[in-house]
Amino acid sequence: MFKVIKRLSTALTAVALLFGAIKALFNWLARSENDEYEVWRDDEEREDA
């Protein structure tokens, strides 16, 4: 029974670390100044749309 709990907690920890790493990657990409996939380059183009 303790092995099951230990393995379950290990699996949940691994999933949490994976999601944390993915979130950190997306946050890092969002801070990038050179964003080629940005929809609007600046506020003026946003107002024109």
N, C-alpha and C. Protein backbone atom coordinates (compact mmCIF):
# COMPACT_ATOMS: atom_id res chain seq x y z
N MET A 1 0.82 -1.20 0.00
CA MET A 1 0.00 0.00 0.00
C MET A 1 0.86 1.26 0.00
N PHE A 2 1.94 1.24 0.76
CA PHE A 2 2.82 2.41 0.80
C PHE A 2 3.54 2.62 -0.52
N LYS A 3 3.84 1.51 -1.24
CA LYS A 3 4.48 1.64 -2.54
C LYS A 3 3.57 2.37 -3.52
N VAL A 4 2.28 2.05 -3.46
CA VAL A 4 1.32 2.69 -4.36
C VAL A 4 1.25 4.19 -4.07
N ILE A 5 1.19 4.55 -2.82
CA ILE A 5 1.13 5.96 -2.44
C ILE A 5 2.41 6.69 -2.85
N LYS A 6 3.53 6.04 -2.64
CA LYS A 6 4.82 6.64 -3.00
C LYS A 6 4.93 6.82 -4.51
N ARG A 7 4.52 5.82 -5.27
CA ARG A 7 4.58 5.94 -6.73
C ARG A 7 3.60 6.99 -7.24
N LEU A 8 2.43 7.06 -6.64
CA LEU A 8 1.45 8.06 -7.04
C LEU A 8 1.96 9.47 -6.75
N SER A 9 2.55 9.67 -5.60
CA SER A 9 3.08 10.99 -5.27
C SER A 9 4.26 11.35 -6.18
N THR A 10 5.06 10.36 -6.54
CA THR A 10 6.17 10.60 -7.46
C THR A 10 5.65 10.99 -8.84
N ALA A 11 4.61 10.30 -9.29
CA ALA A 11 4.03 10.61 -10.59
C ALA A 11 3.41 12.00 -10.59
N LEU A 12 2.70 12.36 -9.54
CA LEU A 12 2.10 13.69 -9.45
C LEU A 12 3.17 14.78 -9.39
N THR A 13 4.25 14.49 -8.70
CA THR A 13 5.35 15.46 -8.64
C THR A 13 5.97 15.64 -10.02
N ALA A 14 6.15 14.56 -10.75
CA ALA A 14 6.71 14.64 -12.10
C ALA A 14 5.80 15.45 -13.02
N VAL A 15 4.50 15.23 -12.92
CA VAL A 15 3.55 15.99 -13.75
C VAL A 15 3.58 17.46 -13.37
N ALA A 16 3.64 17.76 -12.09
CA ALA A 16 3.70 19.16 -11.65
C ALA A 16 4.98 19.83 -12.15
N LEU A 17 6.10 19.13 -12.10
CA LEU A 17 7.35 19.70 -12.61
C LEU A 17 7.28 19.93 -14.11
N LEU A 18 6.67 19.01 -14.83
CA LEU A 18 6.53 19.16 -16.27
C LEU A 18 5.68 20.38 -16.61
N PHE A 19 4.53 20.53 -15.94
CA PHE A 19 3.69 21.69 -16.20
C PHE A 19 4.39 22.98 -15.79
N GLY A 20 5.15 22.95 -14.71
CA GLY A 20 5.89 24.13 -14.30
C GLY A 20 6.95 24.52 -15.32
N ALA A 21 7.62 23.53 -15.87
CA ALA A 21 8.64 23.81 -16.89
C ALA A 21 8.00 24.37 -18.16
N ILE A 22 6.85 23.82 -18.55
CA ILE A 22 6.15 24.33 -19.73
C ILE A 22 5.68 25.76 -19.49
N LYS A 23 5.16 26.04 -18.30
CA LYS A 23 4.71 27.40 -17.98
C LYS A 23 5.89 28.36 -17.99
N ALA A 24 7.02 27.95 -17.44
CA ALA A 24 8.21 28.81 -17.44
C ALA A 24 8.68 29.08 -18.86
N LEU A 25 8.61 28.06 -19.71
CA LEU A 25 9.02 28.24 -21.11
C LEU A 25 8.12 29.25 -21.80
N PHE A 26 6.80 29.12 -21.62
CA PHE A 26 5.89 30.06 -22.25
C PHE A 26 6.06 31.46 -21.69
N ASN A 27 6.32 31.59 -20.40
CA ASN A 27 6.57 32.92 -19.83
C ASN A 27 7.84 33.52 -20.40
N TRP A 28 8.86 32.70 -20.60
CA TRP A 28 10.12 33.17 -21.17
C TRP A 28 9.91 33.62 -22.61
N LEU A 29 9.13 32.85 -23.36
CA LEU A 29 8.84 33.23 -24.74
C LEU A 29 8.00 34.49 -24.81
N ALA A 30 7.10 34.68 -23.87
CA ALA A 30 6.24 35.87 -23.87
C ALA A 30 7.05 37.13 -23.56
N ARG A 31 8.13 37.00 -22.80
CA ARG A 31 8.95 38.17 -22.47
C ARG A 31 9.90 38.54 -23.58
N SER A 32 10.05 37.66 -24.57
CA SER A 32 11.00 37.90 -25.65
C SER A 32 10.62 39.16 -26.43
N GLU A 33 11.57 40.03 -26.65
CA GLU A 33 11.32 41.26 -27.39
C GLU A 33 11.11 40.97 -28.88
N ASN A 34 11.76 39.97 -29.40
CA ASN A 34 11.71 39.64 -30.82
C ASN A 34 10.63 38.58 -31.04
N ASP A 35 9.38 39.00 -31.02
CA ASP A 35 8.26 38.08 -31.14
C ASP A 35 7.74 38.13 -32.57
N GLU A 36 8.10 37.15 -33.38
CA GLU A 36 7.69 37.14 -34.78
C GLU A 36 6.22 36.78 -34.95
N TYR A 37 5.61 36.20 -33.92
CA TYR A 37 4.24 35.75 -34.03
C TYR A 37 3.25 36.72 -33.38
N GLU A 38 3.73 37.90 -33.10
CA GLU A 38 2.87 38.90 -32.48
C GLU A 38 1.83 39.38 -33.49
N VAL A 39 0.59 39.49 -33.07
CA VAL A 39 -0.47 39.87 -34.00
C VAL A 39 -0.35 41.33 -34.38
N TRP A 40 -0.18 42.21 -33.39
CA TRP A 40 -0.01 43.62 -33.65
C TRP A 40 1.36 44.05 -33.17
N ARG A 41 2.06 44.79 -34.00
CA ARG A 41 3.41 45.23 -33.65
C ARG A 41 3.40 46.34 -32.61
N ASP A 42 2.43 47.23 -32.70
CA ASP A 42 2.36 48.31 -31.72
C ASP A 42 0.90 48.74 -31.55
N ASP A 43 0.69 49.72 -30.71
CA ASP A 43 -0.68 50.15 -30.40
C ASP A 43 -1.36 50.81 -31.59
N GLU A 44 -0.59 51.47 -32.48
CA GLU A 44 -1.21 52.14 -33.61
C GLU A 44 -1.85 51.14 -34.55
N GLU A 45 -1.19 50.04 -34.83
CA GLU A 45 -1.76 49.03 -35.71
C GLU A 45 -2.99 48.38 -35.04
N ARG A 46 -2.96 48.26 -33.74
CA ARG A 46 -4.09 47.69 -33.02
C ARG A 46 -5.32 48.60 -33.17
N GLU A 47 -5.12 49.92 -33.13
CA GLU A 47 -6.24 50.83 -33.27
C GLU A 47 -6.78 50.82 -34.69
N ASP A 48 -5.92 50.60 -35.68
CA ASP A 48 -6.35 50.59 -37.08
C ASP A 48 -7.17 49.34 -37.40
N ALA A 49 -6.96 48.27 -36.68
CA ALA A 49 -7.62 47.00 -37.00
C ALA A 49 -9.08 46.98 -36.64
